Amino acid sequence: MAKRNEPVRKSVKDTLEDLLAGHREAAFSGPESALKYLRRTFESQASLPNAVKAFAYDLSAEAQAQCGQWEACVASVDQALAYLPELELAFPHEYRRMLEGLTGFERGIQAHSELGDFHGALELCDRAIALGLGAHYQAKRDSLEWAR
């Protein structure tokens, strides 16, 4: 009797590396191509690890901002930030570096501002400040303080 082949199970790190490599390649053709790649990834990868989803949604937000799709950008930022706890669990030693590399806070603040939702932009500034992501978020918050 033949031995049955076990399905290949990639680690979260390998899955993330595949996502980033595929995105890099697609992004050479512009943000629309990047969005198409990410959309197909979500559709074909029903079991995409949540930590990887944080990056996928962050990359989506970046491309959506480049395309001026502000409502979609806000939704992607919200999704990416919702997966931060899973990102920290999956990559406890690299989490800080990864968090600092995400563009979701920047793009979310930009998208909320473009949509006239300055309170939403302030909330993202406060979250970024609470996570210790840099003084520039304090400066952004100070520039939006009039909206309070």
N, C-alpha and C. Protein backbone atom coordinates (compact mmCIF):
# COMPACT_ATOMS: atom_id res chain seq x y z
N MET A 1 0.84 -1.17 0.00
CA MET A 1 0.00 0.00 0.00
C MET A 1 0.89 1.24 0.00
N ALA A 2 0.56 2.19 -0.84
CA ALA A 2 1.35 3.41 -0.98
C ALA A 2 1.10 4.36 0.21
N LYS A 3 2.16 5.00 0.60
CA LYS A 3 2.05 5.96 1.69
C LYS A 3 1.43 7.26 1.15
N ARG A 4 0.48 7.76 1.87
CA ARG A 4 -0.21 8.98 1.46
C ARG A 4 0.66 10.20 1.77
N ASN A 5 0.76 11.10 0.82
CA ASN A 5 1.54 12.33 1.01
C ASN A 5 0.79 13.28 1.91
N GLU A 6 1.50 13.81 2.88
CA GLU A 6 0.93 14.81 3.78
C GLU A 6 0.97 16.17 3.08
N PRO A 7 -0.05 16.98 3.32
CA PRO A 7 -0.01 18.31 2.71
C PRO A 7 1.15 19.13 3.27
N VAL A 8 1.69 19.98 2.41
CA VAL A 8 2.80 20.83 2.83
C VAL A 8 2.23 21.94 3.70
N ARG A 9 2.78 22.09 4.87
CA ARG A 9 2.35 23.13 5.80
C ARG A 9 3.50 24.12 5.96
N LYS A 10 3.27 25.33 5.53
CA LYS A 10 4.28 26.36 5.65
C LYS A 10 4.17 27.04 7.00
N SER A 11 5.30 27.48 7.48
CA SER A 11 5.29 28.24 8.73
C SER A 11 4.71 29.63 8.45
N VAL A 12 4.34 30.31 9.51
CA VAL A 12 3.82 31.67 9.37
C VAL A 12 4.89 32.56 8.73
N LYS A 13 6.14 32.37 9.14
CA LYS A 13 7.24 33.17 8.59
C LYS A 13 7.39 32.92 7.09
N ASP A 14 7.33 31.66 6.66
CA ASP A 14 7.44 31.35 5.24
C ASP A 14 6.27 31.92 4.45
N THR A 15 5.07 31.84 5.02
CA THR A 15 3.89 32.39 4.36
C THR A 15 4.02 33.89 4.20
N LEU A 16 4.52 34.56 5.24
CA LEU A 16 4.73 36.01 5.18
C LEU A 16 5.77 36.35 4.12
N GLU A 17 6.86 35.61 4.08
CA GLU A 17 7.90 35.86 3.07
C GLU A 17 7.34 35.69 1.66
N ASP A 18 6.50 34.67 1.45
CA ASP A 18 5.87 34.47 0.14
C ASP A 18 4.97 35.65 -0.22
N LEU A 19 4.17 36.10 0.76
CA LEU A 19 3.28 37.24 0.52
C LEU A 19 4.09 38.48 0.14
N LEU A 20 5.14 38.78 0.89
CA LEU A 20 5.93 39.98 0.62
C LEU A 20 6.65 39.90 -0.72
N ALA A 21 7.14 38.72 -1.06
CA ALA A 21 7.82 38.55 -2.36
C ALA A 21 6.82 38.72 -3.51
N GLY A 22 5.66 38.11 -3.39
CA GLY A 22 4.64 38.25 -4.43
C GLY A 22 4.16 39.68 -4.56
N HIS A 23 3.99 40.34 -3.44
CA HIS A 23 3.56 41.74 -3.46
C HIS A 23 4.61 42.63 -4.12
N ARG A 24 5.88 42.42 -3.76
CA ARG A 24 6.96 43.21 -4.35
C ARG A 24 6.95 43.09 -5.87
N GLU A 25 6.79 41.86 -6.33
CA GLU A 25 6.78 41.62 -7.78
C GLU A 25 5.58 42.30 -8.43
N ALA A 26 4.40 42.18 -7.83
CA ALA A 26 3.20 42.78 -8.38
C ALA A 26 3.26 44.30 -8.33
N ALA A 27 3.85 44.85 -7.28
CA ALA A 27 3.89 46.31 -7.10
C ALA A 27 4.76 47.00 -8.14
N PHE A 28 5.65 46.27 -8.79
CA PHE A 28 6.46 46.88 -9.85
C PHE A 28 5.57 47.43 -10.96
N SER A 29 4.40 46.84 -11.14
CA SER A 29 3.48 47.29 -12.19
C SER A 29 2.51 48.35 -11.69
N GLY A 30 2.65 48.77 -10.44
CA GLY A 30 1.82 49.83 -9.91
C GLY A 30 0.89 49.35 -8.81
N PRO A 31 0.24 50.32 -8.12
CA PRO A 31 -0.61 49.97 -6.99
C PRO A 31 -1.84 49.14 -7.38
N GLU A 32 -2.34 49.33 -8.59
CA GLU A 32 -3.50 48.53 -9.02
C GLU A 32 -3.13 47.06 -9.11
N SER A 33 -1.94 46.77 -9.63
CA SER A 33 -1.46 45.39 -9.70
C SER A 33 -1.25 44.81 -8.31
N ALA A 34 -0.73 45.63 -7.42
CA ALA A 34 -0.52 45.18 -6.04
C ALA A 34 -1.85 44.82 -5.41
N LEU A 35 -2.86 45.67 -5.61
CA LEU A 35 -4.18 45.38 -5.06
C LEU A 35 -4.77 44.11 -5.65
N LYS A 36 -4.58 43.92 -6.93
CA LYS A 36 -5.09 42.71 -7.59
C LYS A 36 -4.43 41.47 -6.99
N TYR A 37 -3.11 41.53 -6.80
CA TYR A 37 -2.39 40.41 -6.19
C TYR A 37 -2.92 40.12 -4.79
N LEU A 38 -3.08 41.16 -3.99
CA LEU A 38 -3.55 40.98 -2.61
C LEU A 38 -4.98 40.44 -2.59
N ARG A 39 -5.83 40.94 -3.46
CA ARG A 39 -7.21 40.45 -3.54
C ARG A 39 -7.23 38.96 -3.89
N ARG A 40 -6.42 38.57 -4.86
CA ARG A 40 -6.35 37.15 -5.24
C ARG A 40 -5.78 36.30 -4.10
N THR A 41 -4.84 36.85 -3.38
CA THR A 41 -4.26 36.13 -2.24
C THR A 41 -5.32 35.86 -1.19
N PHE A 42 -6.12 36.88 -0.87
CA PHE A 42 -7.20 36.70 0.11
C PHE A 42 -8.22 35.67 -0.37
N GLU A 43 -8.54 35.71 -1.66
CA GLU A 43 -9.53 34.78 -2.20
C GLU A 43 -9.03 33.34 -2.24
N SER A 44 -7.75 33.16 -2.52
CA SER A 44 -7.23 31.80 -2.67
C SER A 44 -6.68 31.21 -1.38
N GLN A 45 -6.41 32.04 -0.40
CA GLN A 45 -5.81 31.57 0.84
C GLN A 45 -6.81 31.70 1.99
N ALA A 46 -7.77 30.80 2.03
CA ALA A 46 -8.79 30.86 3.07
C ALA A 46 -8.18 30.70 4.46
N SER A 47 -7.05 30.03 4.53
CA SER A 47 -6.44 29.79 5.84
C SER A 47 -5.17 30.62 6.04
N LEU A 48 -5.12 31.80 5.46
CA LEU A 48 -3.99 32.70 5.64
C LEU A 48 -3.85 33.01 7.12
N PRO A 49 -2.67 32.82 7.69
CA PRO A 49 -2.50 33.10 9.12
C PRO A 49 -2.83 34.56 9.45
N ASN A 50 -3.42 34.77 10.61
CA ASN A 50 -3.84 36.12 11.00
C ASN A 50 -2.67 37.09 11.06
N ALA A 51 -1.52 36.63 11.49
CA ALA A 51 -0.35 37.52 11.53
C ALA A 51 0.02 37.99 10.13
N VAL A 52 -0.13 37.13 9.15
CA VAL A 52 0.15 37.48 7.76
C VAL A 52 -0.94 38.42 7.24
N LYS A 53 -2.17 38.23 7.70
CA LYS A 53 -3.26 39.12 7.30
C LYS A 53 -2.96 40.56 7.72
N ALA A 54 -2.31 40.74 8.87
CA ALA A 54 -1.94 42.09 9.31
C ALA A 54 -1.11 42.77 8.23
N PHE A 55 -0.14 42.06 7.68
CA PHE A 55 0.70 42.63 6.62
C PHE A 55 -0.08 42.80 5.33
N ALA A 56 -0.89 41.82 4.99
CA ALA A 56 -1.65 41.90 3.74
C ALA A 56 -2.59 43.10 3.75
N TYR A 57 -3.27 43.32 4.85
CA TYR A 57 -4.16 44.48 4.94
C TYR A 57 -3.36 45.79 4.97
N ASP A 58 -2.20 45.78 5.61
CA ASP A 58 -1.35 46.96 5.63
C ASP A 58 -0.89 47.30 4.21
N LEU A 59 -0.48 46.30 3.46
CA LEU A 59 -0.06 46.52 2.07
C LEU A 59 -1.24 47.00 1.22
N SER A 60 -2.42 46.46 1.49
CA SER A 60 -3.63 46.90 0.78
C SER A 60 -3.89 48.38 1.05
N ALA A 61 -3.78 48.78 2.32
CA ALA A 61 -4.01 50.18 2.68
C ALA A 61 -3.05 51.10 1.95
N GLU A 62 -1.80 50.69 1.86
CA GLU A 62 -0.80 51.50 1.15
C GLU A 62 -1.19 51.68 -0.32
N ALA A 63 -1.54 50.59 -0.98
CA ALA A 63 -1.90 50.65 -2.40
C ALA A 63 -3.20 51.44 -2.59
N GLN A 64 -4.15 51.26 -1.69
CA GLN A 64 -5.42 51.99 -1.79
C GLN A 64 -5.19 53.48 -1.61
N ALA A 65 -4.29 53.86 -0.73
CA ALA A 65 -3.96 55.28 -0.55
C ALA A 65 -3.34 55.84 -1.82
N GLN A 66 -2.46 55.06 -2.44
CA GLN A 66 -1.84 55.50 -3.69
C GLN A 66 -2.86 55.68 -4.80
N CYS A 67 -3.94 54.92 -4.74
CA CYS A 67 -5.01 55.00 -5.75
C CYS A 67 -6.10 55.99 -5.35
N GLY A 68 -6.01 56.58 -4.15
CA GLY A 68 -7.02 57.52 -3.70
C GLY A 68 -8.32 56.85 -3.26
N GLN A 69 -8.26 55.57 -2.92
CA GLN A 69 -9.44 54.83 -2.46
C GLN A 69 -9.51 54.94 -0.94
N TRP A 70 -9.94 56.11 -0.46
CA TRP A 70 -9.82 56.44 0.95
C TRP A 70 -10.70 55.59 1.86
N GLU A 71 -11.95 55.32 1.46
CA GLU A 71 -12.83 54.50 2.30
C GLU A 71 -12.27 53.08 2.43
N ALA A 72 -11.82 52.53 1.31
CA ALA A 72 -11.23 51.19 1.34
C ALA A 72 -9.95 51.18 2.17
N CYS A 73 -9.19 52.26 2.08
CA CYS A 73 -7.95 52.37 2.86
C CYS A 73 -8.25 52.34 4.35
N VAL A 74 -9.26 53.09 4.78
CA VAL A 74 -9.63 53.09 6.20
C VAL A 74 -10.03 51.69 6.65
N ALA A 75 -10.81 51.00 5.82
CA ALA A 75 -11.24 49.64 6.16
C ALA A 75 -10.04 48.70 6.27
N SER A 76 -9.09 48.82 5.36
CA SER A 76 -7.90 47.96 5.40
C SER A 76 -7.04 48.25 6.62
N VAL A 77 -6.90 49.53 6.97
CA VAL A 77 -6.14 49.89 8.16
C VAL A 77 -6.80 49.30 9.40
N ASP A 78 -8.11 49.42 9.49
CA ASP A 78 -8.82 48.84 10.63
C ASP A 78 -8.57 47.34 10.73
N GLN A 79 -8.62 46.64 9.59
CA GLN A 79 -8.36 45.20 9.58
C GLN A 79 -6.93 44.90 10.01
N ALA A 80 -5.97 45.63 9.45
CA ALA A 80 -4.56 45.39 9.79
C ALA A 80 -4.32 45.57 11.28
N LEU A 81 -4.87 46.65 11.84
CA LEU A 81 -4.64 46.92 13.26
C LEU A 81 -5.34 45.91 14.15
N ALA A 82 -6.44 45.34 13.67
CA ALA A 82 -7.15 44.32 14.45
C ALA A 82 -6.30 43.06 14.59
N TYR A 83 -5.40 42.82 13.66
CA TYR A 83 -4.56 41.62 13.70
C TYR A 83 -3.22 41.83 14.39
N LEU A 84 -2.97 43.01 14.95
CA LEU A 84 -1.69 43.25 15.62
C LEU A 84 -1.42 42.29 16.78
N PRO A 85 -2.42 41.93 17.60
CA PRO A 85 -2.13 40.96 18.67
C PRO A 85 -1.63 39.61 18.12
N GLU A 86 -2.20 39.15 17.01
CA GLU A 86 -1.75 37.90 16.41
C GLU A 86 -0.35 38.03 15.83
N LEU A 87 -0.06 39.21 15.30
CA LEU A 87 1.28 39.47 14.78
C LEU A 87 2.31 39.38 15.91
N GLU A 88 1.96 39.96 17.05
CA GLU A 88 2.87 39.91 18.20
C GLU A 88 3.06 38.48 18.70
N LEU A 89 1.98 37.70 18.70
CA LEU A 89 2.10 36.30 19.15
C LEU A 89 2.96 35.47 18.20
N ALA A 90 2.80 35.69 16.92
CA ALA A 90 3.54 34.90 15.94
C ALA A 90 5.01 35.31 15.84
N PHE A 91 5.29 36.59 16.08
CA PHE A 91 6.66 37.10 15.94
C PHE A 91 7.06 37.92 17.17
N PRO A 92 7.12 37.29 18.33
CA PRO A 92 7.38 38.07 19.56
C PRO A 92 8.72 38.81 19.55
N HIS A 93 9.73 38.24 18.92
CA HIS A 93 11.06 38.86 18.94
C HIS A 93 11.23 39.89 17.83
N GLU A 94 10.40 39.81 16.79
CA GLU A 94 10.50 40.72 15.66
C GLU A 94 9.35 41.72 15.61
N TYR A 95 8.44 41.60 16.56
CA TYR A 95 7.21 42.40 16.52
C TYR A 95 7.49 43.89 16.46
N ARG A 96 8.37 44.38 17.29
CA ARG A 96 8.64 45.82 17.33
C ARG A 96 9.12 46.33 15.99
N ARG A 97 10.06 45.63 15.40
CA ARG A 97 10.60 46.01 14.09
C ARG A 97 9.51 45.96 13.04
N MET A 98 8.69 44.91 13.09
CA MET A 98 7.60 44.78 12.12
C MET A 98 6.57 45.89 12.28
N LEU A 99 6.23 46.18 13.51
CA LEU A 99 5.27 47.24 13.81
C LEU A 99 5.75 48.58 13.26
N GLU A 100 7.01 48.87 13.45
CA GLU A 100 7.58 50.12 12.96
C GLU A 100 7.62 50.16 11.44
N GLY A 101 7.61 49.00 10.79
CA GLY A 101 7.63 48.94 9.33
C GLY A 101 6.26 49.04 8.68
N LEU A 102 5.21 48.91 9.46
CA LEU A 102 3.87 49.01 8.90
C LEU A 102 3.55 50.46 8.54
N THR A 103 2.81 50.65 7.46
CA THR A 103 2.44 51.99 7.03
C THR A 103 0.99 52.32 7.38
N GLY A 104 0.31 51.40 8.02
CA GLY A 104 -1.12 51.56 8.30
C GLY A 104 -1.47 52.79 9.09
N PHE A 105 -0.68 53.13 10.10
CA PHE A 105 -0.99 54.32 10.88
C PHE A 105 -0.90 55.57 10.01
N GLU A 106 0.18 55.67 9.23
CA GLU A 106 0.36 56.82 8.34
C GLU A 106 -0.79 56.91 7.34
N ARG A 107 -1.06 55.79 6.67
CA ARG A 107 -2.10 55.79 5.64
C ARG A 107 -3.49 56.00 6.24
N GLY A 108 -3.70 55.45 7.41
CA GLY A 108 -5.00 55.63 8.07
C GLY A 108 -5.24 57.08 8.45
N ILE A 109 -4.22 57.73 8.98
CA ILE A 109 -4.34 59.15 9.33
C ILE A 109 -4.60 59.96 8.07
N GLN A 110 -3.87 59.65 7.02
CA GLN A 110 -4.07 60.34 5.74
C GLN A 110 -5.48 60.12 5.22
N ALA A 111 -5.94 58.87 5.24
CA ALA A 111 -7.27 58.55 4.70
C ALA A 111 -8.38 59.23 5.51
N HIS A 112 -8.27 59.16 6.83
CA HIS A 112 -9.28 59.81 7.67
C HIS A 112 -9.29 61.32 7.41
N SER A 113 -8.12 61.91 7.25
CA SER A 113 -8.04 63.35 6.97
C SER A 113 -8.65 63.68 5.61
N GLU A 114 -8.35 62.86 4.61
CA GLU A 114 -8.91 63.08 3.27
C GLU A 114 -10.43 63.00 3.29
N LEU A 115 -10.96 62.14 4.15
CA LEU A 115 -12.41 61.97 4.25
C LEU A 115 -13.04 62.99 5.20
N GLY A 116 -12.23 63.85 5.81
CA GLY A 116 -12.75 64.85 6.73
C GLY A 116 -13.06 64.31 8.11
N ASP A 117 -12.61 63.10 8.40
CA ASP A 117 -12.83 62.48 9.70
C ASP A 117 -11.60 62.73 10.57
N PHE A 118 -11.50 63.94 11.08
CA PHE A 118 -10.31 64.32 11.84
C PHE A 118 -10.27 63.65 13.21
N HIS A 119 -11.42 63.30 13.74
CA HIS A 119 -11.44 62.56 15.01
C HIS A 119 -10.85 61.16 14.82
N GLY A 120 -11.17 60.52 13.69
CA GLY A 120 -10.58 59.22 13.38
C GLY A 120 -9.07 59.32 13.21
N ALA A 121 -8.62 60.40 12.57
CA ALA A 121 -7.18 60.62 12.41
C ALA A 121 -6.51 60.81 13.77
N LEU A 122 -7.16 61.57 14.64
CA LEU A 122 -6.62 61.78 15.99
C LEU A 122 -6.54 60.47 16.77
N GLU A 123 -7.55 59.64 16.64
CA GLU A 123 -7.53 58.35 17.34
C GLU A 123 -6.34 57.50 16.89
N LEU A 124 -6.07 57.49 15.58
CA LEU A 124 -4.92 56.73 15.09
C LEU A 124 -3.61 57.33 15.60
N CYS A 125 -3.53 58.64 15.66
CA CYS A 125 -2.34 59.29 16.23
C CYS A 125 -2.15 58.84 17.67
N ASP A 126 -3.23 58.84 18.43
CA ASP A 126 -3.14 58.43 19.84
C ASP A 126 -2.70 56.98 19.97
N ARG A 127 -3.22 56.10 19.09
CA ARG A 127 -2.80 54.68 19.15
C ARG A 127 -1.32 54.54 18.82
N ALA A 128 -0.86 55.26 17.80
CA ALA A 128 0.55 55.19 17.41
C ALA A 128 1.44 55.72 18.53
N ILE A 129 1.01 56.79 19.19
CA ILE A 129 1.77 57.36 20.30
C ILE A 129 1.82 56.36 21.45
N ALA A 130 0.68 55.74 21.74
CA ALA A 130 0.62 54.76 22.83
C ALA A 130 1.56 53.57 22.57
N LEU A 131 1.75 53.23 21.29
CA LEU A 131 2.65 52.14 20.94
C LEU A 131 4.11 52.60 20.84
N GLY A 132 4.34 53.89 21.02
CA GLY A 132 5.70 54.41 20.98
C GLY A 132 6.31 54.41 19.60
N LEU A 133 5.52 54.74 18.59
CA LEU A 133 5.99 54.65 17.21
C LEU A 133 6.70 55.89 16.69
N GLY A 134 6.90 56.87 17.51
CA GLY A 134 7.70 58.01 17.06
C GLY A 134 7.07 59.35 17.34
N ALA A 135 7.96 60.34 17.44
CA ALA A 135 7.53 61.69 17.76
C ALA A 135 6.73 62.33 16.63
N HIS A 136 6.90 61.85 15.41
CA HIS A 136 6.15 62.46 14.31
C HIS A 136 4.64 62.25 14.46
N TYR A 137 4.24 61.19 15.18
CA TYR A 137 2.81 61.02 15.44
C TYR A 137 2.31 62.04 16.44
N GLN A 138 3.17 62.43 17.37
CA GLN A 138 2.81 63.51 18.29
C GLN A 138 2.64 64.82 17.52
N ALA A 139 3.53 65.06 16.58
CA ALA A 139 3.43 66.27 15.76
C ALA A 139 2.15 66.26 14.92
N LYS A 140 1.81 65.11 14.36
CA LYS A 140 0.57 65.00 13.60
C LYS A 140 -0.62 65.25 14.51
N ARG A 141 -0.56 64.67 15.70
CA ARG A 141 -1.65 64.85 16.67
C ARG A 141 -1.79 66.32 17.03
N ASP A 142 -0.66 66.99 17.27
CA ASP A 142 -0.69 68.41 17.62
C ASP A 142 -1.30 69.24 16.48
N SER A 143 -0.99 68.86 15.23
CA SER A 143 -1.52 69.62 14.10
C SER A 143 -3.03 69.38 13.92
N LEU A 144 -3.54 68.29 14.47
CA LEU A 144 -4.98 67.98 14.37
C LEU A 144 -5.75 68.34 15.64
N GLU A 145 -5.07 68.89 16.61
CA GLU A 145 -5.67 69.17 17.90
C GLU A 145 -6.88 70.09 17.81
N TRP A 146 -6.91 70.94 16.81
CA TRP A 146 -8.04 71.85 16.63
C TRP A 146 -9.35 71.11 16.45
N ALA A 147 -9.28 69.85 16.01
CA ALA A 147 -10.51 69.08 15.73
C ALA A 147 -11.18 68.57 17.00
N ARG A 148 -10.51 68.65 18.12
CA ARG A 148 -11.10 68.14 19.37
C ARG A 148 -12.22 69.01 19.83
